[in-house]
Amino acid sequence: MKLLSVNLGHPRSVPYTDQPEGLTGIDKRPVDGPVRVAAPGPKGVGASGLAGDAVCERRHHGGDDQAVYAMAREDLDEWERTLGRTLRNGSFGENLTTEGIDVSGALIGERWAVGAEAVLEITSGRIPCRTFQGHLGEKGWVKRFTRRGAPGAYLRVVRPGEIRAGDAVRIVHRPDHEVTVALQFRAVTTDRALLPRLLAAGEALHPEARAAARTYVEKYGAGAQA
């Protein structure tokens, strides 16, 4: 298991974002050499966890619980076959393109040691947005991406460090529950009756998903169908 690439984006003006100045950093490109990864600060204030990477729309992106976005090369390859087009590393706006890791099958709270120093922790799946659809230029992209249910994962930085393409990725902690990224994604997008199951992931779960699960339970009960 390893990093195929570390991908950074720079602010770019586009017509398909709701960011007030019309800027986005979604167009990530592989870089050479080491990149420092560290907790960027709370959402709305902190941006990307990777030095030199732009997050322009901080209302919905960036911050400590979405510091890093990882996507499996295997999922990009599957989308290449489906879409009939080449998708380079970073095409989905991911910071880390991995090889040999089932990213969407990872557990919430699972920890990865990357390179010699950094430790990252899975928090949630990536929710597709209008900017993502505009960047890909695929009709109905948000629905298609959601339907497949392999969103890649957001991670928080537990221990900072330098990372680079070719670094080994080691799973150093797997929590004792069954809440995967794919399950969390499905619960918050297409099957809200699954929300109570997310609470088994505890404090590792992205705070917004945790709040949604608690609200559901308060309204419907842990075993109810909305």
Protein backbone atom coordinates (compact mmCIF):
# COMPACT_ATOMS: atom_id res chain seq x y z
CA MET A 1 0.00 0.00 0.00
CA LYS A 2 1.45 3.32 -1.00
CA LEU A 3 0.95 6.86 -2.26
CA LEU A 4 1.10 7.08 -6.01
CA SER A 5 1.01 10.86 -5.87
CA VAL A 6 0.58 13.87 -3.60
CA ASN A 7 -1.60 16.45 -5.36
CA LEU A 8 -1.89 20.18 -4.72
CA GLY A 9 -4.19 22.82 -6.20
CA HIS A 10 -3.89 26.57 -6.75
CA PRO A 11 -6.73 29.11 -6.83
CA ARG A 12 -8.38 29.29 -10.22
CA SER A 13 -11.32 31.37 -11.45
CA VAL A 14 -14.18 29.24 -12.82
CA PRO A 15 -17.88 29.76 -13.62
CA TYR A 16 -19.12 26.70 -11.72
CA THR A 17 -18.44 27.45 -8.06
CA ASP A 18 -20.52 29.19 -5.39
CA GLN A 19 -17.39 30.62 -3.79
CA PRO A 20 -18.00 34.39 -3.56
CA GLU A 21 -14.96 35.30 -5.65
CA GLY A 22 -15.50 32.48 -8.15
CA LEU A 23 -12.33 30.67 -7.12
CA THR A 24 -11.63 26.98 -6.60
CA GLY A 25 -8.60 24.85 -5.77
CA ILE A 26 -10.18 21.58 -6.93
CA ASP A 27 -7.80 21.18 -9.87
CA LYS A 28 -5.10 19.24 -8.00
CA ARG A 29 -1.87 18.24 -9.74
CA PRO A 30 0.84 15.79 -8.66
CA VAL A 31 3.96 17.40 -7.22
CA ASP A 32 7.53 16.24 -6.77
CA GLY A 33 9.33 16.25 -3.45
CA PRO A 34 8.07 16.30 0.12
CA VAL A 35 4.92 18.11 1.25
CA ARG A 36 4.28 19.04 4.87
CA VAL A 37 0.95 17.82 6.25
CA ALA A 38 -0.47 19.26 9.48
CA ALA A 39 -3.81 20.12 11.08
CA PRO A 40 -4.99 23.37 9.44
CA GLY A 41 -7.43 24.59 12.09
CA PRO A 42 -11.21 24.45 12.44
CA LYS A 43 -13.55 24.41 9.48
CA GLY A 44 -14.33 27.87 8.20
CA VAL A 45 -10.90 29.09 9.27
CA GLY A 46 -8.44 26.33 8.39
CA ALA A 47 -7.97 25.33 4.78
CA SER A 48 -6.01 22.30 3.53
CA GLY A 49 -3.79 20.15 5.69
CA LEU A 50 -1.15 20.13 2.94
CA ALA A 51 1.28 23.01 2.66
CA GLY A 52 0.85 24.83 -0.63
CA ASP A 53 -2.63 23.45 -1.35
CA ALA A 54 -5.55 25.84 -1.88
CA VAL A 55 -9.02 25.47 -0.39
CA CYS A 56 -11.05 28.47 -1.55
CA GLU A 57 -14.55 27.58 -0.35
CA ARG A 58 -14.01 27.16 3.39
CA ARG A 59 -17.69 27.06 4.30
CA HIS A 60 -17.89 23.47 3.07
CA HIS A 61 -14.30 22.33 2.58
CA GLY A 62 -11.08 22.16 4.54
CA GLY A 63 -10.54 22.35 8.28
CA ASP A 64 -9.21 19.80 10.74
CA ASP A 65 -11.80 17.09 9.98
CA GLN A 66 -11.37 17.45 6.20
CA ALA A 67 -7.66 18.23 6.16
CA VAL A 68 -6.75 15.63 3.54
CA TYR A 69 -8.77 13.93 0.81
CA ALA A 70 -7.69 10.49 -0.45
CA MET A 71 -8.90 8.57 -3.48
CA ALA A 72 -7.91 5.09 -4.61
CA ARG A 73 -6.29 4.81 -8.03
CA GLU A 74 -8.35 1.66 -8.46
CA ASP A 75 -11.55 3.74 -8.23
CA LEU A 76 -10.21 6.25 -10.73
CA ASP A 77 -9.41 3.35 -13.08
CA GLU A 78 -12.99 2.09 -12.77
CA TRP A 79 -14.32 5.54 -13.57
CA GLU A 80 -11.98 5.71 -16.58
CA ARG A 81 -13.63 2.59 -17.95
CA THR A 82 -17.11 3.94 -17.24
CA LEU A 83 -16.53 7.41 -18.65
CA GLY A 84 -14.26 6.40 -21.50
CA ARG A 85 -11.67 9.06 -20.70
CA THR A 86 -8.32 9.36 -18.97
CA LEU A 87 -8.32 10.50 -15.35
CA ARG A 88 -4.88 11.51 -14.12
CA ASN A 89 -3.99 11.40 -10.43
CA GLY A 90 -5.67 14.35 -8.73
CA SER A 91 -8.57 14.42 -11.21
CA PHE A 92 -11.17 14.15 -8.45
CA GLY A 93 -9.54 16.92 -6.44
CA GLU A 94 -7.86 14.41 -4.16
CA ASN A 95 -4.70 15.26 -2.25
CA LEU A 96 -3.57 11.65 -2.06
CA THR A 97 -3.92 9.11 -4.82
CA THR A 98 -3.35 5.68 -3.29
CA GLU A 99 -2.56 2.22 -4.57
CA GLY A 100 -3.53 -1.04 -2.89
CA ILE A 101 -5.96 0.51 -0.38
CA ASP A 102 -9.74 0.13 -0.36
CA VAL A 103 -10.24 3.75 0.66
CA SER A 104 -14.04 3.71 0.67
CA GLY A 105 -13.97 0.42 2.57
CA ALA A 106 -11.79 1.89 5.31
CA LEU A 107 -13.28 2.26 8.79
CA ILE A 108 -14.12 5.62 10.32
CA GLY A 109 -11.35 6.16 12.87
CA GLU A 110 -8.88 3.96 11.00
CA ARG A 111 -5.39 5.42 11.20
CA TRP A 112 -2.76 5.42 8.49
CA ALA A 113 0.94 6.01 8.98
CA VAL A 114 2.23 7.70 5.84
CA GLY A 115 5.95 7.94 5.27
CA ALA A 116 8.25 8.28 8.28
CA GLU A 117 6.22 10.66 10.46
CA ALA A 118 2.65 11.51 9.50
CA VAL A 119 -0.39 9.74 10.95
CA LEU A 120 -3.83 10.41 9.44
CA GLU A 121 -7.29 9.33 10.65
CA ILE A 122 -10.37 8.60 8.53
CA THR A 123 -13.35 10.84 9.33
CA SER A 124 -15.90 10.58 6.50
CA GLY A 125 -16.57 10.23 2.81
CA ARG A 126 -16.50 13.11 0.34
CA ILE A 127 -19.91 14.57 -0.57
CA PRO A 128 -20.02 15.63 -4.25
CA CYS A 129 -20.91 19.23 -5.06
CA ARG A 130 -21.60 21.58 -7.98
CA THR A 131 -17.93 22.52 -8.23
CA PHE A 132 -16.94 18.86 -8.54
CA GLN A 133 -19.47 18.39 -11.34
CA GLY A 134 -18.27 21.49 -13.15
CA HIS A 135 -14.65 20.42 -12.81
CA LEU A 136 -15.33 16.98 -14.29
CA GLY A 137 -17.69 18.33 -16.95
CA GLU A 138 -19.88 15.24 -16.79
CA LYS A 139 -23.67 15.59 -17.03
CA GLY A 140 -25.46 14.35 -13.92
CA TRP A 141 -22.14 13.78 -12.20
CA VAL A 142 -23.31 14.36 -8.63
CA LYS A 143 -26.00 11.68 -8.96
CA ARG A 144 -23.69 9.24 -10.74
CA PHE A 145 -20.92 9.66 -8.18
CA THR A 146 -23.38 9.26 -5.31
CA ARG A 147 -24.99 6.20 -6.84
CA ARG A 148 -21.67 4.37 -7.10
CA GLY A 149 -21.02 4.91 -3.39
CA ALA A 150 -17.21 4.91 -3.49
CA PRO A 151 -16.50 8.51 -2.44
CA GLY A 152 -12.93 8.32 -1.20
CA ALA A 153 -12.16 9.55 2.30
CA TYR A 154 -11.45 12.69 4.26
CA LEU A 155 -8.80 12.41 6.95
CA ARG A 156 -7.67 14.50 9.89
CA VAL A 157 -4.00 14.86 10.83
CA VAL A 158 -3.16 13.06 14.08
CA ARG A 159 0.58 13.56 13.75
CA PRO A 160 2.14 16.01 11.29
CA GLY A 161 5.02 15.17 9.00
CA GLU A 162 6.33 15.22 5.46
CA ILE A 163 4.84 12.96 2.81
CA ARG A 164 5.71 12.33 -0.83
CA ALA A 165 4.86 10.13 -3.79
CA GLY A 166 6.06 6.57 -3.24
CA ASP A 167 5.64 6.65 0.54
CA ALA A 168 4.34 3.49 2.13
CA VAL A 169 0.91 3.64 3.79
CA ARG A 170 0.48 1.39 6.83
CA ILE A 171 -2.73 0.83 8.75
CA VAL A 172 -1.67 1.30 12.37
CA HIS A 173 -5.12 1.24 14.00
CA ARG A 174 -8.44 -0.32 13.08
CA PRO A 175 -11.32 0.49 15.44
CA ASP A 176 -13.69 -2.13 16.80
CA HIS A 177 -16.81 -1.29 14.80
CA GLU A 178 -18.14 -1.79 11.28
CA VAL A 179 -18.73 1.79 10.15
CA THR A 180 -16.94 2.16 6.83
CA VAL A 181 -16.57 5.27 4.72
CA ALA A 182 -19.01 3.77 2.22
CA LEU A 183 -21.61 3.15 4.95
CA GLN A 184 -21.23 6.69 6.30
CA PHE A 185 -21.58 8.12 2.80
CA ARG A 186 -24.71 6.11 2.08
CA ALA A 187 -26.25 7.13 5.41
CA VAL A 188 -25.82 10.86 4.81
CA THR A 189 -26.83 10.79 1.14
CA THR A 190 -29.32 8.11 0.07
CA ASP A 191 -30.38 6.00 3.08
CA ARG A 192 -30.83 8.08 6.22
CA ALA A 193 -32.24 5.12 8.11
CA LEU A 194 -28.61 4.02 8.41
CA LEU A 195 -27.65 7.13 10.40
CA PRO A 196 -27.99 5.55 13.86
CA ARG A 197 -25.36 2.97 12.93
CA LEU A 198 -22.80 5.74 12.47
CA LEU A 199 -22.75 6.52 16.19
CA ALA A 200 -20.72 3.35 16.78
CA ALA A 201 -17.75 5.23 15.30
CA GLY A 202 -17.79 7.65 18.24
CA GLU A 203 -15.69 10.79 18.28
CA ALA A 204 -13.69 9.74 15.23
CA LEU A 205 -16.72 10.40 13.03
CA HIS A 206 -16.86 13.78 11.29
CA PRO A 207 -18.77 16.12 13.66
CA GLU A 208 -21.37 17.00 11.03
CA ALA A 209 -22.19 13.34 10.39
CA ARG A 210 -22.29 12.69 14.12
CA ALA A 211 -24.72 15.56 14.63
CA ALA A 212 -26.94 14.30 11.80
CA ALA A 213 -27.00 10.82 13.34
CA ARG A 214 -27.89 12.14 16.79
CA THR A 215 -30.65 14.34 15.39
CA TYR A 216 -32.11 11.36 13.54
CA VAL A 217 -32.09 9.21 16.66
CA GLU A 218 -33.73 11.96 18.71
CA LYS A 219 -36.48 12.32 16.12
CA TYR A 220 -37.11 8.75 15.06
CA GLY A 221 -35.33 6.48 17.54
CA ALA A 222 -32.35 4.23 16.94
CA GLY A 223 -34.30 1.56 15.07
CA ALA A 224 -36.88 3.65 13.25
CA GLN A 225 -37.32 4.22 9.53
CA ALA A 226 -37.80 7.85 8.52
